[in-house]
Protein backbone atom coordinates (compact mmCIF):
# COMPACT_ATOMS: atom_id res chain seq x y z
CA MET A 1 53.98 69.56 7.17
CA ASP A 2 54.24 72.20 9.76
CA GLY A 3 56.14 72.41 12.96
CA LEU A 4 59.87 72.46 13.45
CA TYR A 5 60.75 71.11 9.96
CA ASP A 6 58.80 73.11 7.42
CA ILE A 7 60.61 73.03 4.11
CA GLU A 8 59.28 74.90 1.12
CA LEU A 9 60.06 73.43 -2.38
CA ASN A 10 59.84 75.49 -5.47
CA GLU A 11 58.98 74.11 -8.89
CA THR A 12 62.65 73.91 -9.87
CA THR A 13 63.55 71.61 -7.06
CA PRO A 14 65.01 68.36 -8.59
CA LYS A 15 63.06 65.19 -8.05
CA ARG A 16 65.94 63.54 -6.29
CA GLN A 17 66.26 66.46 -3.89
CA THR A 18 62.49 66.33 -3.34
CA ARG A 19 62.76 62.63 -2.30
CA ARG A 20 65.60 63.50 0.07
CA VAL A 21 63.66 66.24 1.70
CA GLU A 22 60.62 63.88 2.05
CA GLN A 23 62.81 61.31 3.67
CA ARG A 24 64.39 63.74 5.90
CA THR A 25 61.04 65.13 7.13
CA ALA A 26 59.69 61.49 7.60
CA ASP A 27 62.73 60.77 9.80
CA ASP A 28 62.09 63.98 11.69
CA ARG A 29 58.53 62.91 12.24
CA ASP A 30 59.63 59.53 13.55
CA ARG A 31 62.27 61.05 15.80
CA ASP A 32 59.97 63.53 17.25
CA GLU A 33 57.16 60.93 17.92
CA LEU A 34 59.86 58.85 19.86
CA ALA A 35 60.97 62.03 21.63
CA ARG A 36 57.47 62.65 22.85
CA LEU A 37 57.70 59.24 24.54
CA GLY A 38 60.80 60.43 26.23
CA LYS A 39 63.25 58.38 24.09
CA LYS A 40 66.29 59.35 21.89
CA GLN A 41 66.47 57.83 18.38
CA VAL A 42 69.62 55.72 18.32
CA LEU A 43 68.57 52.77 16.10
CA GLN A 44 68.24 53.10 12.38
CA ARG A 45 64.72 53.00 10.84
CA ASN A 46 65.05 50.56 7.99
CA PHE A 47 61.77 48.71 8.05
CA GLY A 48 58.65 49.66 6.11
CA PHE A 49 55.26 48.02 5.94
CA MET A 50 56.12 45.09 3.54
CA SER A 51 59.38 44.21 5.30
CA MET A 52 57.72 44.29 8.73
CA LEU A 53 54.82 42.32 7.41
CA GLY A 54 57.42 39.72 6.26
CA PHE A 55 59.25 40.06 9.61
CA SER A 56 55.98 39.39 11.58
CA CYS A 57 54.69 36.53 9.22
CA THR A 58 57.89 34.61 9.32
CA MET A 59 58.23 35.01 13.08
CA LEU A 60 54.75 33.50 13.49
CA VAL A 61 55.39 30.77 10.94
CA THR A 62 51.78 29.70 11.70
CA TRP A 63 51.30 27.05 9.14
CA GLU A 64 54.86 25.71 9.68
CA GLY A 65 54.56 25.93 13.52
CA LEU A 66 51.21 24.25 13.45
CA LEU A 67 52.93 21.22 11.77
CA ILE A 68 55.66 21.26 14.49
CA VAL A 69 53.42 21.29 17.58
CA PHE A 70 50.71 19.21 15.81
CA VAL A 71 51.08 16.29 18.32
CA GLN A 72 49.64 18.21 21.39
CA GLY A 73 46.34 19.04 19.93
CA LEU A 74 46.04 15.70 18.19
CA SER A 75 46.52 13.73 21.49
CA ASN A 76 44.18 16.10 23.43
CA GLY A 77 41.24 16.91 21.17
CA GLY A 78 41.92 14.90 18.17
CA PRO A 79 41.35 16.12 14.51
CA ALA A 80 38.11 17.78 15.38
CA GLY A 81 39.59 19.38 18.54
CA LEU A 82 42.45 20.78 16.45
CA VAL A 83 40.18 22.38 13.87
CA TYR A 84 37.75 24.04 16.38
CA GLY A 85 40.81 24.82 18.81
CA TYR A 86 42.59 26.49 15.92
CA LEU A 87 39.68 28.69 15.12
CA LEU A 88 39.29 29.67 18.80
CA ALA A 89 42.98 30.44 19.10
CA TRP A 90 42.78 32.57 15.88
CA VAL A 91 39.93 34.63 17.05
CA GLY A 92 41.32 35.02 20.48
CA THR A 93 44.77 36.03 19.19
CA LEU A 94 43.14 38.61 16.94
CA ALA A 95 41.22 40.07 19.81
CA VAL A 96 44.29 40.30 21.97
CA PHE A 97 46.48 41.91 19.29
CA THR A 98 43.81 44.25 18.13
CA THR A 99 43.84 45.64 21.68
CA MET A 100 47.69 45.62 21.82
CA ALA A 101 47.70 47.29 18.35
CA GLU A 102 45.88 50.23 19.99
CA LEU A 103 48.63 50.37 22.56
CA ALA A 104 51.45 50.17 20.02
CA SER A 105 49.74 53.11 18.20
CA MET A 106 49.66 55.12 21.34
CA ALA A 107 53.23 54.48 22.37
CA PRO A 108 55.47 52.79 19.63
CA THR A 109 58.54 51.90 21.52
CA SER A 110 60.65 48.82 21.74
CA SER A 111 59.80 48.70 25.46
CA GLY A 112 56.41 47.32 24.61
CA GLN A 113 54.46 45.75 27.44
CA TYR A 114 56.27 47.15 30.47
CA HIS A 115 56.08 50.69 29.08
CA TRP A 116 52.36 50.42 28.59
CA VAL A 117 51.89 49.04 32.07
CA ALA A 118 53.87 52.04 33.50
CA LEU A 119 51.44 54.36 31.50
CA LEU A 120 48.24 52.55 32.41
CA ALA A 121 48.62 51.43 36.02
CA PRO A 122 47.64 53.39 39.02
CA PRO A 123 50.55 55.70 40.34
CA PHE A 124 50.95 53.74 43.69
CA CYS A 125 51.94 50.47 41.92
CA ARG A 126 52.95 51.51 38.41
CA LYS A 127 56.66 51.08 38.99
CA PHE A 128 56.44 47.73 40.54
CA LEU A 129 54.00 46.34 38.02
CA SER A 130 56.00 47.66 35.13
CA TYR A 131 59.17 46.02 36.49
CA LEU A 132 57.45 42.79 37.01
CA THR A 133 55.92 42.86 33.48
CA GLY A 134 59.42 43.71 32.08
CA TRP A 135 60.86 40.66 33.60
CA LEU A 136 57.97 38.39 32.40
CA THR A 137 58.42 39.67 28.88
CA VAL A 138 62.23 39.50 28.78
CA ALA A 139 62.20 35.94 30.21
CA GLY A 140 59.55 34.83 27.85
CA TRP A 141 61.30 36.11 24.81
CA GLN A 142 64.74 34.67 26.10
CA ALA A 143 62.98 31.19 26.34
CA PHE A 144 61.44 31.86 22.83
CA VAL A 145 64.94 32.25 21.30
CA ALA A 146 66.05 29.01 22.91
CA SER A 147 62.76 27.33 21.79
CA ALA A 148 63.24 28.43 18.19
CA CYS A 149 66.84 27.22 18.01
CA TYR A 150 65.81 23.95 19.70
CA LEU A 151 62.91 23.30 17.29
CA SER A 152 65.09 24.11 14.23
CA GLY A 153 67.89 21.85 15.40
CA THR A 154 65.57 18.94 16.36
CA LEU A 155 63.72 19.33 13.00
CA ILE A 156 67.06 18.73 11.11
CA GLN A 157 67.72 15.69 13.32
CA GLY A 158 64.14 14.39 12.61
CA LEU A 159 64.75 14.65 8.95
CA VAL A 160 67.94 12.74 9.17
CA ILE A 161 66.21 9.95 11.21
CA LEU A 162 63.43 9.71 8.54
CA GLN A 163 65.85 9.39 5.70
CA HIS A 164 68.35 7.21 7.52
CA PRO A 165 66.49 4.77 9.72
CA GLY A 166 69.68 3.32 10.93
CA TYR A 167 70.86 6.64 12.44
CA ASN A 168 71.06 6.45 16.24
CA PRO A 169 70.47 10.03 17.54
CA LYS A 170 72.21 11.19 20.58
CA LEU A 171 71.17 14.08 22.80
CA TRP A 172 74.37 15.99 22.16
CA HIS A 173 73.66 15.89 18.51
CA GLY A 174 70.66 18.03 18.88
CA THR A 175 72.69 20.40 21.14
CA PHE A 176 75.27 20.90 18.26
CA LEU A 177 72.66 21.47 15.81
CA PHE A 178 71.04 24.09 18.32
CA TRP A 179 74.43 25.89 18.38
CA ALA A 180 74.66 25.87 14.61
CA VAL A 181 71.24 27.48 14.28
CA ALA A 182 72.02 30.07 16.91
CA ALA A 183 75.39 30.94 15.38
CA CYS A 184 73.72 31.50 11.90
CA ALA A 185 70.95 33.64 13.41
CA VAL A 186 73.62 35.82 15.09
CA LEU A 187 75.43 36.08 11.88
CA VAL A 188 72.50 37.43 10.00
CA ASN A 189 71.56 39.76 12.92
CA THR A 190 75.00 41.36 12.97
CA VAL A 191 77.04 40.97 9.87
CA VAL A 192 74.14 41.44 7.26
CA SER A 193 71.79 43.32 9.42
CA ARG A 194 71.38 46.16 7.05
CA ALA A 195 69.97 43.78 4.54
CA LEU A 196 67.48 42.38 7.01
CA PRO A 197 64.44 44.28 5.83
CA LYS A 198 65.12 43.08 2.21
CA ILE A 199 65.73 39.52 3.55
CA GLU A 200 62.35 39.50 5.44
CA SER A 201 60.46 40.69 2.34
CA LEU A 202 61.97 37.76 0.43
CA ILE A 203 61.12 35.37 3.30
CA LEU A 204 57.58 36.55 3.10
CA VAL A 205 57.44 35.41 -0.53
CA LEU A 206 58.94 32.11 0.39
CA HIS A 207 56.43 31.76 3.32
CA VAL A 208 53.51 32.02 0.99
CA LEU A 209 54.91 30.11 -1.94
CA GLY A 210 56.14 27.34 0.50
CA PHE A 211 52.60 27.05 1.78
CA PHE A 212 51.40 25.94 -1.72
CA ALA A 213 54.34 23.82 -2.29
CA VAL A 214 53.41 21.76 0.72
CA LEU A 215 49.68 22.11 0.38
CA ILE A 216 49.32 20.89 -3.23
CA PRO A 217 50.99 17.46 -2.74
CA LEU A 218 49.04 16.89 0.39
CA ALA A 219 45.81 17.70 -1.43
CA TYR A 220 46.35 15.55 -4.45
CA LEU A 221 48.72 12.64 -3.69
CA PRO A 222 47.45 10.77 -0.63
CA PRO A 223 44.14 8.96 -0.11
CA HIS A 224 41.90 11.34 2.01
CA THR A 225 39.97 10.34 5.19
CA SER A 226 36.32 11.37 5.44
CA GLY A 227 35.00 14.70 6.58
CA THR A 228 33.36 13.05 9.58
CA ASP A 229 36.78 11.91 10.81
CA VAL A 230 38.18 15.32 10.37
CA PHE A 231 35.34 17.63 11.82
CA GLY A 232 33.60 15.15 14.13
CA LYS A 233 36.39 12.90 15.61
CA PHE A 234 37.54 13.88 19.17
CA LEU A 235 40.30 12.11 21.05
CA ASN A 236 41.18 12.13 24.76
CA GLY A 237 44.69 10.80 24.67
CA GLY A 238 45.47 12.44 28.04
CA SER A 239 42.85 10.30 29.75
CA TRP A 240 41.11 13.39 31.23
CA PRO A 241 37.75 13.24 32.94
CA SER A 242 35.94 14.82 30.11
CA GLN A 243 36.43 15.62 26.44
CA GLY A 244 36.00 19.32 27.19
CA LEU A 245 38.97 19.26 29.49
CA SER A 246 41.01 17.41 27.04
CA PHE A 247 40.13 19.97 24.43
CA PHE A 248 41.44 22.91 26.46
CA VAL A 249 44.59 21.06 27.44
CA GLY A 250 45.33 20.55 23.71
CA LEU A 251 44.50 24.14 22.88
CA ILE A 252 47.99 25.24 23.88
CA GLY A 253 49.48 23.67 20.78
CA ASN A 254 47.31 25.82 18.54
CA VAL A 255 48.24 28.94 20.63
CA PHE A 256 51.96 28.27 20.12
CA ALA A 257 51.37 28.55 16.43
CA PHE A 258 50.46 32.21 16.92
CA LEU A 259 53.20 33.06 19.36
CA GLY A 260 55.37 36.10 18.71
CA VAL A 261 52.93 38.66 17.29
CA ASP A 262 54.45 41.32 19.62
CA GLY A 263 57.79 40.87 17.96
CA ALA A 264 56.96 43.73 15.65
CA ILE A 265 56.38 45.87 18.73
CA HIS A 266 59.91 45.51 20.00
CA MET A 267 61.24 46.54 16.65
CA SER A 268 59.23 49.69 16.76
CA GLU A 269 62.30 52.02 16.96
CA GLU A 270 63.60 50.55 13.69
CA ILE A 271 60.29 51.07 11.76
CA ARG A 272 59.30 54.07 9.74
CA ASN A 273 55.96 55.58 10.78
CA PRO A 274 55.58 53.03 13.63
CA SER A 275 52.31 54.30 15.08
CA LYS A 276 50.68 53.17 11.96
CA ILE A 277 52.91 50.53 10.53
CA VAL A 278 53.21 48.33 13.68
CA PRO A 279 49.46 47.95 14.21
CA ALA A 280 48.95 47.24 10.49
CA SER A 281 51.74 44.64 10.21
CA MET A 282 50.63 42.94 13.39
CA LEU A 283 46.97 42.45 12.39
CA CYS A 284 47.82 41.73 8.73
CA SER A 285 50.16 38.96 9.86
CA VAL A 286 47.54 37.41 12.10
CA LEU A 287 44.96 37.46 9.34
CA LEU A 288 47.27 36.21 6.66
CA ASN A 289 48.89 33.43 8.77
CA GLY A 290 45.48 32.45 10.23
CA ILE A 291 44.22 31.79 6.72
CA LEU A 292 47.36 29.90 5.75
CA GLY A 293 47.40 27.90 8.99
CA PHE A 294 43.83 26.81 8.71
CA GLY A 295 44.31 25.61 5.19
CA MET A 296 47.36 23.67 6.04
CA LEU A 297 45.68 22.12 9.16
CA VAL A 298 42.63 20.84 7.21
CA ALA A 299 44.87 19.47 4.43
CA VAL A 300 47.12 17.60 6.85
CA LEU A 301 44.11 16.08 8.78
CA PHE A 302 42.58 14.83 5.49
CA ALA A 303 45.87 13.37 4.45
CA VAL A 304 46.60 11.51 7.71
CA GLY A 305 47.15 7.80 6.95
CA SER A 306 48.02 5.76 9.96
CA LEU A 307 47.48 8.03 12.94
CA ASP A 308 49.21 5.59 15.30
CA GLU A 309 52.41 5.53 13.00
CA ALA A 310 52.46 9.31 12.91
CA LEU A 311 52.20 9.74 16.65
CA SER A 312 54.82 7.05 17.25
CA SER A 313 57.31 8.32 14.71
CA ARG A 314 60.99 8.16 15.76
CA THR A 315 61.41 11.68 14.33
CA GLY A 316 59.50 13.22 17.26
CA TYR A 317 57.37 15.08 14.71
CA PRO A 318 54.22 13.33 13.37
CA PHE A 319 53.90 15.58 10.35
CA MET A 320 57.19 14.13 8.92
CA GLU A 321 55.55 10.70 8.88
CA ILE A 322 52.45 12.13 7.44
CA PHE A 323 54.40 13.62 4.59
CA ARG A 324 56.18 10.33 3.89
CA GLN A 325 52.99 8.35 3.86
CA GLY A 326 51.18 10.99 1.80
CA THR A 327 53.73 11.46 -0.95
CA GLY A 328 55.00 7.87 -0.91
CA SER A 329 58.43 9.34 -1.87
CA ALA A 330 61.41 9.68 0.42
CA GLY A 331 62.77 12.48 -1.76
CA GLY A 332 59.56 14.34 -2.03
CA SER A 333 58.82 14.23 1.72
CA ALA A 334 62.31 15.38 2.42
CA ALA A 335 61.99 18.40 0.16
CA MET A 336 58.73 19.40 1.92
CA ILE A 337 60.23 18.97 5.32
CA ALA A 338 63.32 20.87 4.29
CA LEU A 339 61.05 23.75 3.34
CA VAL A 340 59.59 23.76 6.81
CA ILE A 341 63.04 23.66 8.35
CA VAL A 342 64.21 26.68 6.28
CA LEU A 343 61.26 28.66 7.40
CA SER A 344 61.69 27.73 11.00
CA PHE A 345 65.26 28.96 10.84
CA CYS A 346 64.04 32.21 9.31
CA ALA A 347 61.77 32.60 12.26
CA THR A 348 64.68 32.12 14.57
CA ILE A 349 66.43 35.10 12.94
CA ALA A 350 63.37 37.28 13.61
CA VAL A 351 62.91 35.93 17.18
CA LEU A 352 66.56 36.84 18.05
CA ALA A 353 66.20 40.29 16.64
CA SER A 354 63.11 41.11 18.66
CA SER A 355 64.37 39.50 21.82
CA SER A 356 67.64 41.37 21.75
CA ARG A 357 65.81 44.79 21.14
CA LEU A 358 63.56 44.09 24.10
CA THR A 359 66.61 43.21 26.29
CA TRP A 360 68.32 46.30 25.16
CA SER A 361 65.33 48.45 25.91
CA PHE A 362 64.84 47.11 29.41
CA ALA A 363 68.48 47.60 30.06
CA ARG A 364 68.16 51.21 28.79
CA ASP A 365 65.49 51.72 31.47
CA ARG A 366 67.76 50.20 34.05
CA GLY A 367 65.75 47.13 34.62
CA VAL A 368 68.37 44.34 34.47
CA PRO A 369 71.75 43.75 36.20
CA GLY A 370 74.48 45.11 33.99
CA TRP A 371 72.21 47.63 32.41
CA ARG A 372 75.05 50.02 31.64
CA TYR A 373 76.65 47.48 29.28
CA LEU A 374 73.44 45.89 27.89
CA SER A 375 72.12 49.35 26.89
CA ARG A 376 75.07 50.14 24.59
CA VAL A 377 74.53 50.61 20.94
CA GLU A 378 77.52 50.14 18.60
CA PRO A 379 77.70 53.58 16.82
CA GLN A 380 78.84 52.39 13.39
CA SER A 381 76.07 49.76 12.90
CA SER A 382 73.53 51.32 15.21
CA LEU A 383 72.96 47.77 16.65
CA PRO A 384 72.70 46.66 20.19
CA LEU A 385 75.57 44.19 19.74
CA VAL A 386 75.94 43.43 23.49
CA ALA A 387 72.21 42.69 23.89
CA ILE A 388 72.41 40.32 20.80
CA GLY A 389 75.41 38.60 22.25
CA VAL A 390 73.93 38.20 25.68
CA THR A 391 70.52 36.93 24.26
CA SER A 392 72.23 34.27 22.11
CA SER A 393 74.61 33.27 24.93
CA ILE A 394 71.68 32.70 27.26
CA ALA A 395 70.11 30.40 24.67
CA ILE A 396 73.19 28.51 24.13
CA LEU A 397 73.69 27.99 27.99
CA LEU A 398 70.09 26.78 28.15
CA SER A 399 70.89 24.32 25.42
CA LEU A 400 73.36 22.51 27.66
CA ILE A 401 70.47 21.23 29.74
CA SER A 402 69.39 19.07 26.79
CA ILE A 403 72.59 17.09 26.91
CA GLY A 404 71.29 15.62 30.21
CA SER A 405 67.61 15.70 29.54
CA THR A 406 65.34 17.18 26.81
CA VAL A 407 62.42 16.88 29.32
CA ALA A 408 64.16 19.33 31.61
CA LEU A 409 64.88 21.69 28.75
CA ASN A 410 61.30 21.66 27.64
CA ASP A 411 60.19 22.49 31.24
CA VAL A 412 62.41 25.69 31.03
CA LEU A 413 61.22 26.57 27.53
CA SER A 414 57.56 26.15 28.62
CA LEU A 415 58.06 29.59 30.18
CA THR A 416 57.46 31.08 26.75
CA VAL A 417 53.64 30.88 26.62
CA ALA A 418 52.92 31.59 30.33
CA SER A 419 55.27 34.60 30.74
CA LEU A 420 54.27 36.29 27.50
CA PHE A 421 50.57 35.78 28.00
CA LEU A 422 50.81 37.16 31.49
CA SER A 423 52.45 40.16 30.09
CA TYR A 424 49.75 40.57 27.43
CA PHE A 425 47.10 40.29 30.20
CA ALA A 426 48.62 42.99 32.29
CA CYS A 427 48.42 45.39 29.35
CA CYS A 428 45.07 44.44 28.11
CA SER A 429 43.33 44.38 31.49
CA LEU A 430 44.82 47.81 32.42
CA LEU A 431 43.74 49.25 29.18
CA LEU A 432 40.15 47.88 29.67
CA TRP A 433 40.11 49.62 33.02
CA ARG A 434 41.29 52.88 31.59
CA ARG A 435 38.89 52.87 28.53
CA CYS A 436 35.91 52.00 30.79
CA THR A 437 36.67 54.82 33.17
CA GLY A 438 37.37 57.38 30.44
CA GLY A 439 41.01 57.69 31.28
CA ILE A 440 42.25 58.09 27.62
CA MET A 441 41.50 61.07 25.49
CA THR A 442 41.42 61.69 21.81
CA ARG A 443 44.69 63.16 20.39
CA GLU A 444 42.74 66.47 19.73
CA LEU A 445 41.95 66.90 23.44
CA THR A 446 45.38 66.61 24.94
CA SER A 447 48.78 68.04 24.46
CA ARG A 448 50.69 65.38 22.57
CA ASN A 449 53.99 66.79 23.94
CA ALA A 450 52.94 65.69 27.41
CA ALA A 451 50.88 62.58 26.62
CA ASN A 452 51.79 58.86 26.91
CA ILE A 453 54.91 59.12 29.17
CA PRO A 454 54.45 57.71 32.73
CA GLN A 455 55.61 61.10 34.31
CA SER A 456 52.44 62.89 32.90
CA ASN A 457 48.93 61.72 33.75
CA GLN A 458 47.68 62.28 30.20
CA LEU A 459 46.85 59.44 27.92
CA ALA A 460 45.99 59.86 24.31
CA TRP A 461 44.89 57.31 21.65
CA GLY A 462 47.13 56.85 18.71
CA PRO A 463 46.12 56.83 14.96
CA PHE A 464 44.77 53.23 15.19
CA HIS A 465 41.88 53.04 17.72
CA ILE A 466 38.68 51.00 17.94
CA PRO A 467 36.20 53.47 19.47
CA GLY A 468 33.19 53.05 21.60
CA ILE A 469 31.48 49.77 22.66
CA LEU A 470 33.19 47.72 19.89
CA GLY A 471 36.64 48.53 21.36
CA ILE A 472 35.45 47.50 24.81
CA VAL A 473 33.91 44.16 23.62
CA ILE A 474 37.08 43.31 21.63
CA ASN A 475 39.12 44.10 24.75
CA ILE A 476 37.04 41.89 27.04
CA ILE A 477 37.18 38.95 24.55
CA GLY A 478 41.04 39.38 24.45
CA CYS A 479 41.18 39.37 28.23
CA ALA A 480 38.89 36.32 28.63
CA PHE A 481 40.98 34.34 26.08
CA LEU A 482 44.25 35.29 27.94
CA VAL A 483 42.89 34.03 31.22
CA ILE A 484 41.89 30.66 29.74
CA ILE A 485 45.28 30.18 28.06
CA ILE A 486 47.30 31.28 31.13
CA PHE A 487 45.29 28.86 33.30
CA PHE A 488 45.73 25.78 30.94
CA SER A 489 49.36 26.63 30.05
CA PHE A 490 50.17 25.08 33.43
CA TRP A 491 48.49 21.81 32.99
CA PRO A 492 50.30 18.55 32.16
CA PRO A 493 49.57 16.79 28.90
CA ALA A 494 48.16 13.64 30.39
CA THR A 495 47.16 11.75 33.56
CA PRO A 496 48.21 10.11 35.73
CA VAL A 497 50.87 12.76 36.13
CA THR A 498 54.42 11.48 36.66
CA PRO A 499 57.67 13.46 37.12
CA SER A 500 58.46 12.97 33.34
CA THR A 501 55.10 14.30 32.21
CA MET A 502 54.60 17.02 34.76
CA ASN A 503 54.30 20.52 33.45
CA TYR A 504 56.83 22.54 35.41
CA SER A 505 56.05 25.90 33.66
CA VAL A 506 54.21 26.99 36.79
CA LEU A 507 57.42 26.51 38.70
CA VAL A 508 59.61 28.23 36.21
CA THR A 509 57.22 31.15 35.80
CA GLY A 510 56.78 31.39 39.60
CA PHE A 511 60.56 31.56 39.90
CA VAL A 512 60.76 34.51 37.42
CA VAL A 513 57.93 36.35 39.45
CA ILE A 514 59.59 35.69 42.78
CA PHE A 515 63.05 36.53 41.55
CA SER A 516 62.01 39.76 39.92
CA ALA A 517 60.08 40.81 43.04
CA ALA A 518 62.83 39.95 45.38
CA TYR A 519 65.49 41.70 43.17
CA TYR A 520 63.24 44.77 42.95
CA SER A 521 62.81 44.89 46.80
CA VAL A 522 66.47 44.47 47.51
CA TRP A 523 68.14 46.48 44.70
CA ALA A 524 66.26 47.36 41.54
CA HIS A 525 63.87 49.82 43.24
CA LYS A 526 66.83 52.09 43.50
CA ALA A 527 67.73 52.18 39.84
CA TYR A 528 64.49 51.41 38.11
CA THR A 529 61.99 54.29 38.17
CA GLY A 530 59.96 53.10 35.26
CA PRO A 531 60.81 54.01 31.55
CA VAL A 532 63.48 56.55 31.71
CA VAL A 533 62.80 59.89 30.12
CA GLU A 534 65.89 60.73 27.97
CA VAL A 535 64.42 63.78 26.22
CA MET A 536 61.83 66.38 27.54
CA VAL A 537 59.76 68.04 24.85
CA TYR A 538 58.38 71.42 25.69
CA ASP A 539 57.96 73.57 22.60
CA MET A 540 57.52 71.11 19.72
CA GLU A 541 54.60 72.04 17.75
CA ARG A 542 52.20 69.23 16.60
CA MET A 543 53.19 67.77 13.19
CA ASP A 544 50.72 66.56 10.68
CA ASP A 545 50.20 62.76 10.41
């Protein structure tokens, strides 16, 4: 390695000292890469490829999440709609995050989407578009934290209902369970945070082994329906004018099972060699989880007994009734459901970690009220404790809505899909524009010291890049998929539409857009100038990859 940190080792250097020097030079490389983006290294880089793959896979919890949101696609689309909708969601998600992996390789920072918009947008609107994207991303991830806690809490409540039919659930019971899940997630993210990479690696093992622990009983114990019913039976439970329209309305449930792939991006400043590890972990997690999710979906659809009983289950989750019918055992079904609950809780830990880093990063760039406090990092632990506390507090405050109405809470949480996909579209569409107009150079043709910061007009590809027409085609597919999902994320699940079945995500998302635009116009434009350049690099020589 040449540059600022050349170190010569002679043959008498002990192996332990050699490893220390290699670690020091790797740390220097990562610090310099972040400095070239204008940022200081303040968080500790504890994650490698396997731990980040575990982090990404357990955040997605695709096969587990598919079971949880099973009902939406089953009602609108039916078994066949679920299968083909899943494949469409998988391919679309892979196209979107192949494109975003290129951006993560160009500028691996916790800021993610709003930093990239500031890089890619035209100068006259980059500051405003970056700010708007930042708010959409932060709001989406804040709602994601609340969604993860809510789902874990209600899954526990559903298991109690299944095992004790005489139990009379109250709304406040679910709220208390929500708080318990949130408290445990905060505990892991603070008290034992140094062990989080090892924990995530272990969770990856549980994620894969748990898949087989659930799949095998479903494949062997229950009587199976015919292939025609699984691959050829469509349903239009929402009474839409056409089956095609019903299919696209139900597609959102499959999309939710892939939500959170960008979580690895917001952990970039805690990952070693992030320009390579972040793209690799994202794409590997989509591929691995996609395979596991498809296998689980087909197994469950073949194992469905009475579909009407599953859809009308008091638990609120049809898969619990399917497990009970399939195994014919209260204890066996409880063990399988408990495994899904544990992995759902593990996902909550990862979601809180990513959301807090994003909030901290946006505060570092002066994008939110109280940014001076939210951007603080506790020196001993190198953790953004204030951001973790605020993120969890917002989730707990949102949970109070469920005491009055779970419908109202779901309306707020529906912000997750629309906001995050809007932020994805902003990045992917701008990248498509830049790559089609030749606005991004190879790393060899530009000075990396001045590239990929908004203050310079130089953009350079990172180590991961899909060149030529193939990259453009994948980018276009990703943008088209995002447009479809954003459009149908605002649709209600059924007709005729009533106040209780109305999808208010358009209202909630609109509020975020209007609030951020108004706040920017009145106050934030004075403080927010785009991603803040904390470090200027002038004389740093290029370092070998």
